[in-house]
Amino acid sequence: MRTTTLVLAGVISVVLVAPVQSAKPSGMLFDKVSVFDGYFVPASDAPAAFKDINLIQVLNPSQAQSPPFGYLELKTRKSKFSLLKPALDGTNLSFKTRAVLGISYEFSGTLPRIEYENPDELSRADVVLSGTLKKIQAGKVIAEGKVAFSWFAGD
């Protein structure tokens, strides 16, 4: 009886310690990652009028059916400008924000790619979104410039 118990304990420990085989081929540890799985951060050379932008989160326009669709967040006041439904046409992305204290933003640009092999590849990309950003006050464009964005996964 003691021998059977020891053999059974040995078999159980081998089963518990044995490595689990992944269904994915080696080298594929992650599912592909979309640029919409994280945050867009303005590059350091952003025009002065847009230096106060902390980040932009855009939910995938082809999947998001109802608000919230994302937001544009400022560094200074931590104000968040809610995005109206963004549009994605191939790799062309555009969006507008709701106004906060009479200020709103509009963006139209291009994503070189929408999916990356893994989060590291996406994080290493210098520019994942670029285009024209407008700052609007009371219906008038008060600033406009070319802006490039890098990406980070967030918390």
N, C-alpha and C. Protein backbone atom coordinates (compact mmCIF):
# COMPACT_ATOMS: atom_id res chain seq x y z
N MET A 1 0.83 -1.19 0.00
CA MET A 1 0.00 0.00 0.00
C MET A 1 0.87 1.25 0.00
N ARG A 2 1.94 1.23 0.82
CA ARG A 2 2.84 2.38 0.91
C ARG A 2 3.53 2.62 -0.43
N THR A 3 3.93 1.54 -1.12
CA THR A 3 4.58 1.67 -2.42
C THR A 3 3.62 2.26 -3.44
N THR A 4 2.37 1.83 -3.44
CA THR A 4 1.37 2.36 -4.36
C THR A 4 1.14 3.84 -4.12
N THR A 5 1.10 4.24 -2.86
CA THR A 5 0.90 5.65 -2.51
C THR A 5 2.07 6.49 -3.00
N LEU A 6 3.30 6.00 -2.81
CA LEU A 6 4.49 6.74 -3.25
C LEU A 6 4.52 6.86 -4.78
N VAL A 7 4.19 5.76 -5.48
CA VAL A 7 4.17 5.80 -6.94
C VAL A 7 3.10 6.78 -7.42
N LEU A 8 1.93 6.75 -6.82
CA LEU A 8 0.85 7.67 -7.19
C LEU A 8 1.25 9.11 -6.93
N ALA A 9 1.91 9.37 -5.80
CA ALA A 9 2.38 10.73 -5.48
C ALA A 9 3.42 11.17 -6.50
N GLY A 10 4.29 10.28 -6.93
CA GLY A 10 5.31 10.61 -7.93
C GLY A 10 4.68 10.95 -9.27
N VAL A 11 3.68 10.19 -9.69
CA VAL A 11 2.99 10.45 -10.96
C VAL A 11 2.28 11.81 -10.91
N ILE A 12 1.62 12.09 -9.79
CA ILE A 12 0.92 13.37 -9.65
C ILE A 12 1.89 14.53 -9.70
N SER A 13 3.05 14.40 -9.03
CA SER A 13 4.01 15.50 -9.03
C SER A 13 4.61 15.71 -10.42
N VAL A 14 4.82 14.64 -11.19
CA VAL A 14 5.33 14.79 -12.55
C VAL A 14 4.29 15.49 -13.42
N VAL A 15 3.04 15.16 -13.26
CA VAL A 15 1.97 15.80 -14.04
C VAL A 15 1.87 17.27 -13.69
N LEU A 16 1.99 17.62 -12.41
CA LEU A 16 1.87 19.01 -11.99
C LEU A 16 3.08 19.84 -12.38
N VAL A 17 4.26 19.24 -12.45
CA VAL A 17 5.48 19.99 -12.74
C VAL A 17 5.79 20.01 -14.23
N ALA A 18 5.29 19.06 -14.98
CA ALA A 18 5.59 18.97 -16.42
C ALA A 18 5.13 20.24 -17.11
N PRO A 19 5.94 20.76 -18.05
CA PRO A 19 5.56 22.00 -18.75
C PRO A 19 4.33 21.77 -19.62
N VAL A 20 3.52 22.80 -19.70
CA VAL A 20 2.32 22.75 -20.53
C VAL A 20 2.71 23.18 -21.93
N GLN A 21 2.33 22.43 -22.91
CA GLN A 21 2.63 22.75 -24.30
C GLN A 21 1.63 23.80 -24.79
N SER A 22 2.14 24.83 -25.43
CA SER A 22 1.28 25.87 -25.99
C SER A 22 0.71 25.39 -27.31
N ALA A 23 -0.50 25.80 -27.60
CA ALA A 23 -1.13 25.47 -28.88
C ALA A 23 -0.52 26.31 -30.00
N LYS A 24 0.17 27.40 -29.65
CA LYS A 24 0.77 28.27 -30.65
C LYS A 24 2.16 27.78 -30.99
N PRO A 25 2.60 27.94 -32.22
CA PRO A 25 3.96 27.58 -32.59
C PRO A 25 4.95 28.41 -31.79
N SER A 26 6.16 27.88 -31.60
CA SER A 26 7.17 28.62 -30.84
C SER A 26 7.43 29.95 -31.52
N GLY A 27 7.74 30.95 -30.72
CA GLY A 27 7.99 32.30 -31.22
C GLY A 27 6.73 33.13 -31.29
N MET A 28 5.56 32.55 -31.07
CA MET A 28 4.31 33.30 -31.08
C MET A 28 3.72 33.28 -29.68
N LEU A 29 4.21 34.17 -28.84
CA LEU A 29 3.75 34.20 -27.46
C LEU A 29 2.55 35.11 -27.27
N PHE A 30 2.29 36.00 -28.23
CA PHE A 30 1.21 36.96 -28.11
C PHE A 30 0.29 36.87 -29.30
N ASP A 31 -0.97 37.23 -29.09
CA ASP A 31 -1.84 37.47 -30.23
C ASP A 31 -1.40 38.79 -30.81
N LYS A 32 -1.79 39.08 -32.03
CA LYS A 32 -1.44 40.37 -32.62
C LYS A 32 -2.05 41.48 -31.77
N VAL A 33 -1.38 42.62 -31.78
CA VAL A 33 -1.80 43.75 -30.97
C VAL A 33 -2.22 44.88 -31.89
N SER A 34 -3.34 45.48 -31.58
CA SER A 34 -3.86 46.59 -32.36
C SER A 34 -3.42 47.92 -31.73
N VAL A 35 -3.24 48.93 -32.57
CA VAL A 35 -2.91 50.26 -32.04
C VAL A 35 -4.03 50.79 -31.15
N PHE A 36 -5.23 50.22 -31.30
CA PHE A 36 -6.36 50.67 -30.49
C PHE A 36 -6.37 50.01 -29.11
N ASP A 37 -5.38 49.15 -28.82
CA ASP A 37 -5.28 48.50 -27.51
C ASP A 37 -4.48 49.33 -26.51
N GLY A 38 -4.10 50.53 -26.86
CA GLY A 38 -3.30 51.36 -25.97
C GLY A 38 -3.59 52.83 -26.17
N TYR A 39 -2.56 53.64 -25.99
CA TYR A 39 -2.71 55.10 -26.02
C TYR A 39 -1.74 55.72 -27.02
N PHE A 40 -2.18 56.78 -27.67
CA PHE A 40 -1.33 57.55 -28.57
C PHE A 40 -0.75 58.72 -27.77
N VAL A 41 0.56 58.92 -27.89
CA VAL A 41 1.25 59.98 -27.16
C VAL A 41 1.96 60.87 -28.17
N PRO A 42 1.74 62.20 -28.11
CA PRO A 42 2.39 63.09 -29.08
C PRO A 42 3.92 62.97 -29.00
N ALA A 43 4.56 63.01 -30.17
CA ALA A 43 6.02 63.00 -30.24
C ALA A 43 6.56 64.29 -29.62
N SER A 44 7.82 64.25 -29.25
CA SER A 44 8.42 65.40 -28.56
C SER A 44 8.46 66.65 -29.43
N ASP A 45 8.39 66.51 -30.75
CA ASP A 45 8.45 67.68 -31.63
C ASP A 45 7.07 68.20 -32.04
N ALA A 46 6.07 67.94 -31.20
CA ALA A 46 4.71 68.44 -31.49
C ALA A 46 4.72 69.96 -31.50
N PRO A 47 3.88 70.58 -32.33
CA PRO A 47 3.78 72.04 -32.33
C PRO A 47 3.43 72.58 -30.94
N ALA A 48 3.87 73.77 -30.64
CA ALA A 48 3.68 74.37 -29.31
C ALA A 48 2.23 74.36 -28.86
N ALA A 49 1.30 74.57 -29.77
CA ALA A 49 -0.12 74.62 -29.41
C ALA A 49 -0.64 73.28 -28.89
N PHE A 50 0.11 72.19 -29.15
CA PHE A 50 -0.34 70.86 -28.76
C PHE A 50 0.57 70.19 -27.72
N LYS A 51 1.50 70.95 -27.17
CA LYS A 51 2.43 70.41 -26.16
C LYS A 51 1.71 70.02 -24.88
N ASP A 52 0.51 70.56 -24.65
CA ASP A 52 -0.22 70.24 -23.42
C ASP A 52 -1.05 68.96 -23.53
N ILE A 53 -1.01 68.28 -24.68
CA ILE A 53 -1.74 67.02 -24.82
C ILE A 53 -0.93 65.90 -24.18
N ASN A 54 -1.54 65.21 -23.24
CA ASN A 54 -0.90 64.10 -22.55
C ASN A 54 -1.01 62.82 -23.37
N LEU A 55 -2.23 62.47 -23.76
CA LEU A 55 -2.44 61.25 -24.53
C LEU A 55 -3.81 61.26 -25.19
N ILE A 56 -3.97 60.34 -26.12
CA ILE A 56 -5.26 60.15 -26.78
C ILE A 56 -5.56 58.66 -26.78
N GLN A 57 -6.75 58.32 -26.35
CA GLN A 57 -7.20 56.93 -26.45
C GLN A 57 -8.33 56.91 -27.47
N VAL A 58 -8.20 56.01 -28.45
CA VAL A 58 -9.24 55.86 -29.47
C VAL A 58 -9.66 54.39 -29.47
N LEU A 59 -10.92 54.13 -29.22
CA LEU A 59 -11.40 52.76 -29.32
C LEU A 59 -11.55 52.42 -30.80
N ASN A 60 -11.36 51.16 -31.13
CA ASN A 60 -11.40 50.73 -32.52
C ASN A 60 -12.73 51.13 -33.16
N PRO A 61 -12.69 52.03 -34.14
CA PRO A 61 -13.93 52.51 -34.76
C PRO A 61 -14.77 51.41 -35.39
N SER A 62 -14.15 50.33 -35.82
CA SER A 62 -14.92 49.26 -36.44
C SER A 62 -15.60 48.36 -35.41
N GLN A 63 -15.25 48.54 -34.12
CA GLN A 63 -15.85 47.73 -33.07
C GLN A 63 -16.72 48.52 -32.10
N ALA A 64 -16.35 49.77 -31.83
CA ALA A 64 -17.10 50.59 -30.87
C ALA A 64 -18.40 51.07 -31.50
N GLN A 65 -19.51 50.65 -30.93
CA GLN A 65 -20.81 51.01 -31.48
C GLN A 65 -21.50 52.14 -30.71
N SER A 66 -21.10 52.34 -29.46
CA SER A 66 -21.73 53.39 -28.66
C SER A 66 -20.68 54.02 -27.75
N PRO A 67 -20.93 55.24 -27.29
CA PRO A 67 -19.95 55.92 -26.42
C PRO A 67 -19.68 55.11 -25.16
N PRO A 68 -18.52 55.26 -24.56
CA PRO A 68 -17.44 56.18 -24.94
C PRO A 68 -16.61 55.62 -26.09
N PHE A 69 -16.11 56.53 -26.93
CA PHE A 69 -15.28 56.15 -28.07
C PHE A 69 -13.81 56.45 -27.81
N GLY A 70 -13.52 57.02 -26.65
CA GLY A 70 -12.16 57.39 -26.29
C GLY A 70 -12.13 58.83 -25.81
N TYR A 71 -10.93 59.35 -25.64
CA TYR A 71 -10.79 60.71 -25.15
C TYR A 71 -9.41 61.27 -25.47
N LEU A 72 -9.30 62.58 -25.43
CA LEU A 72 -8.05 63.31 -25.53
C LEU A 72 -7.84 63.95 -24.16
N GLU A 73 -6.69 63.70 -23.56
CA GLU A 73 -6.42 64.18 -22.19
C GLU A 73 -5.28 65.20 -22.21
N LEU A 74 -5.48 66.32 -21.52
CA LEU A 74 -4.45 67.35 -21.39
C LEU A 74 -3.58 67.09 -20.17
N LYS A 75 -2.32 67.54 -20.22
CA LYS A 75 -1.39 67.40 -19.09
C LYS A 75 -1.73 68.38 -17.97
N THR A 76 -2.03 69.60 -18.35
CA THR A 76 -2.15 70.69 -17.39
C THR A 76 -3.31 70.55 -16.42
N ARG A 77 -4.50 70.48 -16.94
CA ARG A 77 -5.67 70.43 -16.06
C ARG A 77 -6.23 69.02 -15.95
N LYS A 78 -5.60 68.07 -16.59
CA LYS A 78 -6.13 66.70 -16.67
C LYS A 78 -7.55 66.70 -17.22
N SER A 79 -7.82 67.69 -18.08
CA SER A 79 -9.11 67.73 -18.75
C SER A 79 -9.19 66.59 -19.75
N LYS A 80 -10.38 66.02 -19.88
CA LYS A 80 -10.60 64.97 -20.86
C LYS A 80 -11.67 65.43 -21.84
N PHE A 81 -11.32 65.39 -23.11
CA PHE A 81 -12.23 65.73 -24.18
C PHE A 81 -12.75 64.42 -24.77
N SER A 82 -14.01 64.12 -24.58
CA SER A 82 -14.60 62.88 -25.09
C SER A 82 -14.62 62.90 -26.61
N LEU A 83 -14.27 61.77 -27.20
CA LEU A 83 -14.31 61.65 -28.65
C LEU A 83 -15.73 61.36 -29.12
N LEU A 84 -16.11 62.04 -30.20
CA LEU A 84 -17.31 61.66 -30.92
C LEU A 84 -16.92 60.44 -31.75
N LYS A 85 -17.84 59.75 -32.36
CA LYS A 85 -17.51 58.50 -33.06
C LYS A 85 -16.39 58.73 -34.08
N PRO A 86 -15.23 58.08 -33.87
CA PRO A 86 -14.13 58.21 -34.83
C PRO A 86 -14.44 57.44 -36.11
N ALA A 87 -13.74 57.78 -37.19
CA ALA A 87 -13.93 57.10 -38.47
C ALA A 87 -12.61 56.48 -38.89
N LEU A 88 -12.67 55.24 -39.35
CA LEU A 88 -11.50 54.53 -39.85
C LEU A 88 -11.83 54.03 -41.25
N ASP A 89 -11.06 54.53 -42.23
CA ASP A 89 -11.24 54.12 -43.63
C ASP A 89 -9.90 53.56 -44.08
N GLY A 90 -9.77 52.23 -44.05
CA GLY A 90 -8.48 51.60 -44.33
C GLY A 90 -7.53 51.94 -43.20
N THR A 91 -6.50 52.72 -43.50
CA THR A 91 -5.56 53.16 -42.45
C THR A 91 -5.71 54.65 -42.16
N ASN A 92 -6.75 55.28 -42.68
CA ASN A 92 -7.02 56.70 -42.41
C ASN A 92 -7.95 56.83 -41.21
N LEU A 93 -7.51 57.57 -40.22
CA LEU A 93 -8.28 57.76 -38.98
C LEU A 93 -8.63 59.23 -38.81
N SER A 94 -9.87 59.49 -38.44
CA SER A 94 -10.27 60.86 -38.13
C SER A 94 -11.21 60.84 -36.94
N PHE A 95 -11.17 61.93 -36.17
CA PHE A 95 -12.08 62.06 -35.04
C PHE A 95 -12.24 63.53 -34.67
N LYS A 96 -13.31 63.79 -33.93
CA LYS A 96 -13.58 65.10 -33.35
C LYS A 96 -13.87 64.86 -31.88
N THR A 97 -13.65 65.90 -31.06
CA THR A 97 -13.97 65.79 -29.64
C THR A 97 -15.16 66.68 -29.30
N ARG A 98 -15.75 66.39 -28.19
CA ARG A 98 -16.77 67.30 -27.63
C ARG A 98 -16.02 68.53 -27.09
N ALA A 99 -16.69 69.64 -27.05
CA ALA A 99 -16.08 70.87 -26.54
C ALA A 99 -16.07 70.86 -25.01
N VAL A 100 -14.98 71.37 -24.46
CA VAL A 100 -14.86 71.60 -23.02
C VAL A 100 -14.48 73.07 -22.86
N LEU A 101 -15.32 73.83 -22.19
CA LEU A 101 -15.12 75.27 -22.02
C LEU A 101 -14.89 75.97 -23.37
N GLY A 102 -15.64 75.55 -24.39
CA GLY A 102 -15.57 76.18 -25.69
C GLY A 102 -14.44 75.70 -26.59
N ILE A 103 -13.59 74.78 -26.11
CA ILE A 103 -12.46 74.25 -26.89
C ILE A 103 -12.76 72.82 -27.33
N SER A 104 -12.44 72.51 -28.58
CA SER A 104 -12.55 71.13 -29.06
C SER A 104 -11.37 70.86 -30.00
N TYR A 105 -11.23 69.60 -30.40
CA TYR A 105 -10.14 69.19 -31.28
C TYR A 105 -10.69 68.37 -32.44
N GLU A 106 -9.98 68.43 -33.57
CA GLU A 106 -10.28 67.59 -34.73
C GLU A 106 -8.97 67.01 -35.23
N PHE A 107 -8.99 65.75 -35.65
CA PHE A 107 -7.79 65.11 -36.16
C PHE A 107 -8.13 64.32 -37.42
N SER A 108 -7.19 64.35 -38.36
CA SER A 108 -7.30 63.53 -39.56
C SER A 108 -5.88 63.08 -39.90
N GLY A 109 -5.69 61.75 -39.97
CA GLY A 109 -4.34 61.26 -40.23
C GLY A 109 -4.31 59.81 -40.67
N THR A 110 -3.11 59.25 -40.63
CA THR A 110 -2.87 57.91 -41.14
C THR A 110 -2.13 57.05 -40.13
N LEU A 111 -2.53 55.80 -40.08
CA LEU A 111 -1.84 54.77 -39.29
C LEU A 111 -1.02 53.94 -40.29
N PRO A 112 0.31 53.89 -40.16
CA PRO A 112 1.08 53.05 -41.08
C PRO A 112 0.62 51.58 -41.02
N ARG A 113 0.29 51.14 -39.84
CA ARG A 113 -0.21 49.78 -39.62
C ARG A 113 -1.23 49.84 -38.49
N ILE A 114 -2.16 48.90 -38.50
CA ILE A 114 -3.13 48.83 -37.42
C ILE A 114 -2.78 47.71 -36.45
N GLU A 115 -2.22 46.62 -36.97
CA GLU A 115 -1.85 45.49 -36.11
C GLU A 115 -0.35 45.26 -36.15
N TYR A 116 0.17 44.85 -35.00
CA TYR A 116 1.58 44.52 -34.84
C TYR A 116 1.67 43.12 -34.26
N GLU A 117 2.81 42.48 -34.44
CA GLU A 117 2.98 41.10 -34.01
C GLU A 117 2.87 40.94 -32.49
N ASN A 118 3.37 41.94 -31.74
CA ASN A 118 3.34 41.85 -30.27
C ASN A 118 3.48 43.25 -29.68
N PRO A 119 3.23 43.41 -28.38
CA PRO A 119 3.31 44.74 -27.76
C PRO A 119 4.69 45.38 -27.86
N ASP A 120 5.76 44.58 -27.81
CA ASP A 120 7.10 45.14 -27.90
C ASP A 120 7.35 45.79 -29.26
N GLU A 121 6.92 45.13 -30.32
CA GLU A 121 7.10 45.69 -31.66
C GLU A 121 6.35 47.01 -31.78
N LEU A 122 5.16 47.05 -31.25
CA LEU A 122 4.35 48.27 -31.31
C LEU A 122 4.97 49.38 -30.46
N SER A 123 5.48 49.05 -29.29
CA SER A 123 6.10 50.05 -28.41
C SER A 123 7.37 50.62 -29.01
N ARG A 124 8.08 49.81 -29.80
CA ARG A 124 9.34 50.28 -30.41
C ARG A 124 9.11 51.14 -31.64
N ALA A 125 7.92 51.10 -32.20
CA ALA A 125 7.64 51.89 -33.41
C ALA A 125 7.71 53.37 -33.05
N ASP A 126 8.47 54.13 -33.82
CA ASP A 126 8.62 55.56 -33.55
C ASP A 126 7.32 56.32 -33.75
N VAL A 127 6.65 56.06 -34.86
CA VAL A 127 5.40 56.76 -35.17
C VAL A 127 4.35 55.73 -35.56
N VAL A 128 3.24 55.73 -34.84
CA VAL A 128 2.14 54.81 -35.17
C VAL A 128 0.92 55.55 -35.69
N LEU A 129 0.96 56.87 -35.63
CA LEU A 129 -0.13 57.70 -36.13
C LEU A 129 0.42 59.08 -36.43
N SER A 130 0.07 59.63 -37.59
CA SER A 130 0.49 61.00 -37.91
C SER A 130 -0.60 61.66 -38.74
N GLY A 131 -0.67 62.98 -38.60
CA GLY A 131 -1.68 63.70 -39.35
C GLY A 131 -1.81 65.14 -38.89
N THR A 132 -2.95 65.73 -39.21
CA THR A 132 -3.20 67.13 -38.89
C THR A 132 -4.17 67.22 -37.72
N LEU A 133 -3.76 67.97 -36.72
CA LEU A 133 -4.59 68.20 -35.53
C LEU A 133 -5.00 69.67 -35.51
N LYS A 134 -6.26 69.91 -35.20
CA LYS A 134 -6.78 71.27 -35.10
C LYS A 134 -7.34 71.50 -33.71
N LYS A 135 -7.08 72.68 -33.19
CA LYS A 135 -7.68 73.12 -31.92
C LYS A 135 -8.68 74.20 -32.29
N ILE A 136 -9.91 74.02 -31.81
CA ILE A 136 -11.01 74.89 -32.23
C ILE A 136 -11.63 75.56 -31.01
N GLN A 137 -11.86 76.86 -31.12
CA GLN A 137 -12.51 77.61 -30.05
C GLN A 137 -13.68 78.36 -30.65
N ALA A 138 -14.87 78.12 -30.09
CA ALA A 138 -16.09 78.78 -30.56
C ALA A 138 -16.27 78.65 -32.07
N GLY A 139 -15.95 77.46 -32.61
CA GLY A 139 -16.16 77.20 -34.03
C GLY A 139 -15.05 77.68 -34.95
N LYS A 140 -14.00 78.34 -34.41
CA LYS A 140 -12.91 78.85 -35.24
C LYS A 140 -11.62 78.11 -34.90
N VAL A 141 -10.85 77.76 -35.95
CA VAL A 141 -9.56 77.08 -35.76
C VAL A 141 -8.58 78.07 -35.17
N ILE A 142 -8.08 77.78 -33.97
CA ILE A 142 -7.11 78.68 -33.33
C ILE A 142 -5.69 78.12 -33.39
N ALA A 143 -5.56 76.83 -33.73
CA ALA A 143 -4.23 76.23 -33.92
C ALA A 143 -4.40 75.02 -34.83
N GLU A 144 -3.39 74.80 -35.68
CA GLU A 144 -3.42 73.67 -36.59
C GLU A 144 -1.97 73.27 -36.86
N GLY A 145 -1.70 71.98 -36.90
CA GLY A 145 -0.34 71.54 -37.18
C GLY A 145 -0.25 70.05 -37.40
N LYS A 146 0.87 69.65 -37.98
CA LYS A 146 1.17 68.24 -38.19
C LYS A 146 1.68 67.66 -36.89
N VAL A 147 1.10 66.53 -36.49
CA VAL A 147 1.47 65.89 -35.23
C VAL A 147 1.71 64.40 -35.48
N ALA A 148 2.78 63.88 -34.87
CA ALA A 148 3.08 62.45 -34.93
C ALA A 148 2.89 61.88 -33.52
N PHE A 149 2.42 60.64 -33.46
CA PHE A 149 2.17 60.00 -32.17
C PHE A 149 2.89 58.66 -32.08
N SER A 150 3.46 58.41 -30.91
CA SER A 150 3.98 57.09 -30.59
C SER A 150 2.89 56.37 -29.79
N TRP A 151 3.19 55.20 -29.25
CA TRP A 151 2.18 54.37 -28.60
C TRP A 151 2.71 53.81 -27.30
N PHE A 152 1.83 53.65 -26.31
CA PHE A 152 2.18 52.86 -25.12
C PHE A 152 0.96 52.11 -24.64
N ALA A 153 1.22 50.99 -23.98
CA ALA A 153 0.15 50.08 -23.59
C ALA A 153 -0.67 50.59 -22.41
N GLY A 154 -0.10 51.44 -21.60
CA GLY A 154 -0.81 51.92 -20.42
C GLY A 154 -0.70 50.97 -19.26
N ASP A 155 -1.56 51.15 -18.28
CA ASP A 155 -1.50 50.33 -17.07
C ASP A 155 -2.10 48.98 -17.27
